[in-house]
Amino acid sequence: MMEYCDKHLNEIAYCYLGDARNNMGNSLMVTGCKLGMDVRLCAPENLWPAEDLVETCKRIAAETGARLTLTESVEEGVKV
C-alpha cells in the first residue's frame, strides 16, 4: 500500500468487501490493527470474523491507534 500512497500507514484506510470470516478477511483485520491502520470489513453479519478474533483485534487497535469497522453497509465501508 505504501508503494502507491504517500501517506503513513496510520493514515491509510482500506475496506475488504466479501466473506470476511476466513483467512483473507482475518489476516487483513489482524495485520491492519497491528499496524495502526483504518481497517473496514464489509460483509453480511453472518460472514464476519469470529467474535473472539474481533475482540482481540479491538484490544490491539486500542494499543496501536487503529480503527476497526465491521459493517454490512457498502456505503459506510468505502466512505472516504
N, C-alpha and C. Protein backbone atom coordinates (compact mmCIF):
# COMPACT_ATOMS: atom_id res chain seq x y z
N MET A 1 0.82 -1.19 0.00
CA MET A 1 0.00 0.00 0.00
C MET A 1 0.86 1.25 0.00
N MET A 2 1.99 1.16 0.68
CA MET A 2 2.85 2.33 0.76
C MET A 2 3.49 2.66 -0.58
N GLU A 3 3.61 1.68 -1.48
CA GLU A 3 4.18 1.95 -2.80
C GLU A 3 3.32 2.89 -3.61
N TYR A 4 2.01 2.85 -3.39
CA TYR A 4 1.09 3.62 -4.21
C TYR A 4 0.43 4.76 -3.45
N CYS A 5 0.92 5.02 -2.25
CA CYS A 5 0.30 6.04 -1.42
C CYS A 5 1.39 6.83 -0.71
N ASP A 6 1.26 8.11 -0.65
CA ASP A 6 2.28 8.93 0.00
C ASP A 6 1.92 9.22 1.46
N LYS A 7 1.15 8.34 2.08
CA LYS A 7 0.73 8.50 3.47
C LYS A 7 1.46 7.50 4.36
N HIS A 8 1.48 7.81 5.65
CA HIS A 8 1.98 6.85 6.63
C HIS A 8 0.91 5.78 6.83
N LEU A 9 1.32 4.61 7.30
CA LEU A 9 0.37 3.50 7.47
C LEU A 9 -0.83 3.89 8.32
N ASN A 10 -0.61 4.67 9.38
CA ASN A 10 -1.74 5.01 10.24
C ASN A 10 -2.70 6.00 9.59
N GLU A 11 -2.37 6.50 8.40
CA GLU A 11 -3.26 7.40 7.66
C GLU A 11 -3.98 6.68 6.52
N ILE A 12 -3.69 5.40 6.34
CA ILE A 12 -4.28 4.64 5.24
C ILE A 12 -5.53 3.90 5.71
N ALA A 13 -6.60 4.04 4.94
CA ALA A 13 -7.84 3.31 5.20
C ALA A 13 -8.05 2.33 4.06
N TYR A 14 -8.53 1.15 4.40
CA TYR A 14 -8.89 0.19 3.36
C TYR A 14 -10.10 -0.61 3.78
N CYS A 15 -10.83 -1.09 2.78
CA CYS A 15 -12.03 -1.87 3.03
C CYS A 15 -11.94 -3.19 2.29
N TYR A 16 -12.16 -4.27 3.01
CA TYR A 16 -12.27 -5.59 2.40
C TYR A 16 -13.75 -5.91 2.27
N LEU A 17 -14.20 -6.15 1.06
CA LEU A 17 -15.59 -6.50 0.80
C LEU A 17 -15.66 -7.97 0.41
N GLY A 18 -16.47 -8.72 1.11
CA GLY A 18 -16.61 -10.14 0.79
C GLY A 18 -16.71 -10.97 2.05
N ASP A 19 -16.42 -12.26 1.92
CA ASP A 19 -16.50 -13.20 3.03
C ASP A 19 -15.36 -12.91 4.00
N ALA A 20 -15.65 -12.17 5.05
CA ALA A 20 -14.63 -11.69 5.97
C ALA A 20 -14.33 -12.69 7.10
N ARG A 21 -14.97 -13.83 7.10
CA ARG A 21 -14.79 -14.76 8.22
C ARG A 21 -13.65 -15.75 7.99
N ASN A 22 -13.04 -15.72 6.84
CA ASN A 22 -11.98 -16.68 6.53
C ASN A 22 -10.62 -16.00 6.49
N ASN A 23 -9.61 -16.71 6.01
CA ASN A 23 -8.23 -16.26 6.16
C ASN A 23 -7.95 -14.87 5.58
N MET A 24 -8.52 -14.51 4.47
CA MET A 24 -8.22 -13.20 3.88
C MET A 24 -8.74 -12.07 4.76
N GLY A 25 -9.99 -12.13 5.12
CA GLY A 25 -10.57 -11.11 5.99
C GLY A 25 -9.89 -11.08 7.35
N ASN A 26 -9.63 -12.25 7.92
CA ASN A 26 -8.97 -12.33 9.22
C ASN A 26 -7.57 -11.72 9.15
N SER A 27 -6.81 -12.09 8.14
CA SER A 27 -5.43 -11.61 8.01
C SER A 27 -5.38 -10.10 7.81
N LEU A 28 -6.25 -9.56 6.97
CA LEU A 28 -6.28 -8.12 6.74
C LEU A 28 -6.69 -7.37 8.00
N MET A 29 -7.60 -7.95 8.78
CA MET A 29 -8.04 -7.32 10.01
C MET A 29 -6.91 -7.30 11.05
N VAL A 30 -6.29 -8.44 11.28
CA VAL A 30 -5.23 -8.54 12.28
C VAL A 30 -4.04 -7.65 11.91
N THR A 31 -3.58 -7.77 10.68
CA THR A 31 -2.41 -7.00 10.24
C THR A 31 -2.67 -5.50 10.30
N GLY A 32 -3.81 -5.08 9.78
CA GLY A 32 -4.14 -3.66 9.80
C GLY A 32 -4.23 -3.10 11.20
N CYS A 33 -4.80 -3.87 12.11
CA CYS A 33 -4.90 -3.41 13.50
C CYS A 33 -3.52 -3.34 14.14
N LYS A 34 -2.66 -4.28 13.86
CA LYS A 34 -1.30 -4.24 14.40
C LYS A 34 -0.51 -3.06 13.87
N LEU A 35 -0.79 -2.64 12.64
CA LEU A 35 -0.07 -1.53 12.02
C LEU A 35 -0.72 -0.18 12.27
N GLY A 36 -1.83 -0.15 13.00
CA GLY A 36 -2.48 1.12 13.33
C GLY A 36 -3.28 1.72 12.19
N MET A 37 -3.78 0.92 11.30
CA MET A 37 -4.48 1.41 10.11
C MET A 37 -5.98 1.54 10.35
N ASP A 38 -6.68 2.10 9.38
CA ASP A 38 -8.14 2.22 9.39
C ASP A 38 -8.68 1.02 8.60
N VAL A 39 -9.09 -0.01 9.33
CA VAL A 39 -9.50 -1.28 8.74
C VAL A 39 -11.02 -1.36 8.71
N ARG A 40 -11.55 -1.68 7.54
CA ARG A 40 -13.00 -1.80 7.38
C ARG A 40 -13.30 -3.13 6.71
N LEU A 41 -14.16 -3.92 7.33
CA LEU A 41 -14.62 -5.17 6.73
C LEU A 41 -16.09 -5.00 6.42
N CYS A 42 -16.46 -5.26 5.18
CA CYS A 42 -17.83 -5.08 4.74
C CYS A 42 -18.37 -6.41 4.23
N ALA A 43 -19.36 -6.93 4.94
CA ALA A 43 -19.95 -8.22 4.59
C ALA A 43 -21.25 -8.37 5.35
N PRO A 44 -22.12 -9.27 4.92
CA PRO A 44 -23.28 -9.59 5.76
C PRO A 44 -22.78 -10.07 7.12
N GLU A 45 -23.50 -9.77 8.18
CA GLU A 45 -23.03 -10.08 9.53
C GLU A 45 -22.69 -11.56 9.72
N ASN A 46 -23.40 -12.45 9.04
CA ASN A 46 -23.10 -13.88 9.19
C ASN A 46 -21.78 -14.27 8.52
N LEU A 47 -21.14 -13.35 7.79
CA LEU A 47 -19.84 -13.59 7.17
C LEU A 47 -18.72 -12.78 7.84
N TRP A 48 -18.98 -12.24 9.03
CA TRP A 48 -17.96 -11.52 9.79
C TRP A 48 -17.04 -12.50 10.48
N PRO A 49 -15.84 -12.06 10.85
CA PRO A 49 -14.91 -12.93 11.58
C PRO A 49 -15.49 -13.35 12.93
N ALA A 50 -14.91 -14.39 13.49
CA ALA A 50 -15.34 -14.88 14.80
C ALA A 50 -15.23 -13.77 15.84
N GLU A 51 -16.19 -13.70 16.74
CA GLU A 51 -16.25 -12.62 17.73
C GLU A 51 -15.00 -12.56 18.61
N ASP A 52 -14.43 -13.72 18.95
CA ASP A 52 -13.23 -13.69 19.79
C ASP A 52 -12.06 -13.04 19.07
N LEU A 53 -11.94 -13.25 17.76
CA LEU A 53 -10.88 -12.61 16.98
C LEU A 53 -11.13 -11.11 16.85
N VAL A 54 -12.38 -10.73 16.67
CA VAL A 54 -12.74 -9.31 16.59
C VAL A 54 -12.37 -8.62 17.90
N GLU A 55 -12.68 -9.24 19.03
CA GLU A 55 -12.36 -8.66 20.34
C GLU A 55 -10.85 -8.53 20.51
N THR A 56 -10.09 -9.53 20.08
CA THR A 56 -8.63 -9.46 20.14
C THR A 56 -8.13 -8.29 19.31
N CYS A 57 -8.68 -8.13 18.11
CA CYS A 57 -8.26 -7.03 17.24
C CYS A 57 -8.65 -5.67 17.81
N LYS A 58 -9.78 -5.59 18.50
CA LYS A 58 -10.18 -4.33 19.14
C LYS A 58 -9.19 -3.96 20.24
N ARG A 59 -8.70 -4.95 20.99
CA ARG A 59 -7.69 -4.69 22.02
C ARG A 59 -6.38 -4.22 21.39
N ILE A 60 -6.00 -4.88 20.29
CA ILE A 60 -4.78 -4.47 19.57
C ILE A 60 -4.94 -3.05 19.05
N ALA A 61 -6.10 -2.76 18.48
CA ALA A 61 -6.36 -1.42 17.92
C ALA A 61 -6.29 -0.35 19.01
N ALA A 62 -6.74 -0.67 20.20
CA ALA A 62 -6.67 0.30 21.30
C ALA A 62 -5.22 0.64 21.63
N GLU A 63 -4.32 -0.31 21.45
CA GLU A 63 -2.90 -0.08 21.72
C GLU A 63 -2.19 0.65 20.58
N THR A 64 -2.60 0.38 19.35
CA THR A 64 -1.88 0.92 18.18
C THR A 64 -2.53 2.16 17.58
N GLY A 65 -3.75 2.46 17.99
CA GLY A 65 -4.46 3.59 17.41
C GLY A 65 -5.22 3.24 16.14
N ALA A 66 -5.30 1.95 15.82
CA ALA A 66 -6.03 1.52 14.63
C ALA A 66 -7.52 1.78 14.81
N ARG A 67 -8.21 1.85 13.70
CA ARG A 67 -9.66 1.97 13.69
C ARG A 67 -10.21 0.73 13.00
N LEU A 68 -11.15 0.07 13.64
CA LEU A 68 -11.73 -1.16 13.10
C LEU A 68 -13.23 -0.99 12.96
N THR A 69 -13.71 -1.20 11.73
CA THR A 69 -15.13 -1.10 11.45
C THR A 69 -15.59 -2.39 10.78
N LEU A 70 -16.64 -2.99 11.31
CA LEU A 70 -17.32 -4.10 10.66
C LEU A 70 -18.71 -3.61 10.31
N THR A 71 -19.09 -3.72 9.06
CA THR A 71 -20.36 -3.18 8.63
C THR A 71 -20.96 -4.03 7.51
N GLU A 72 -22.26 -3.96 7.40
CA GLU A 72 -22.96 -4.57 6.27
C GLU A 72 -23.18 -3.55 5.15
N SER A 73 -22.94 -2.28 5.45
CA SER A 73 -23.20 -1.20 4.52
C SER A 73 -21.98 -0.91 3.64
N VAL A 74 -22.13 -1.12 2.35
CA VAL A 74 -21.04 -0.80 1.41
C VAL A 74 -20.72 0.68 1.49
N GLU A 75 -21.74 1.53 1.58
CA GLU A 75 -21.51 2.97 1.63
C GLU A 75 -20.64 3.33 2.83
N GLU A 76 -20.91 2.74 3.99
CA GLU A 76 -20.11 3.03 5.18
C GLU A 76 -18.70 2.45 5.04
N GLY A 77 -18.59 1.27 4.47
CA GLY A 77 -17.30 0.61 4.34
C GLY A 77 -16.33 1.35 3.44
N VAL A 78 -16.82 1.94 2.38
CA VAL A 78 -15.92 2.60 1.41
C VAL A 78 -15.93 4.12 1.52
N LYS A 79 -16.61 4.64 2.54
CA LYS A 79 -16.68 6.09 2.73
C LYS A 79 -15.29 6.68 2.86
N VAL A 80 -15.06 7.76 2.15
CA VAL A 80 -13.76 8.45 2.19
C VAL A 80 -13.69 9.37 3.37
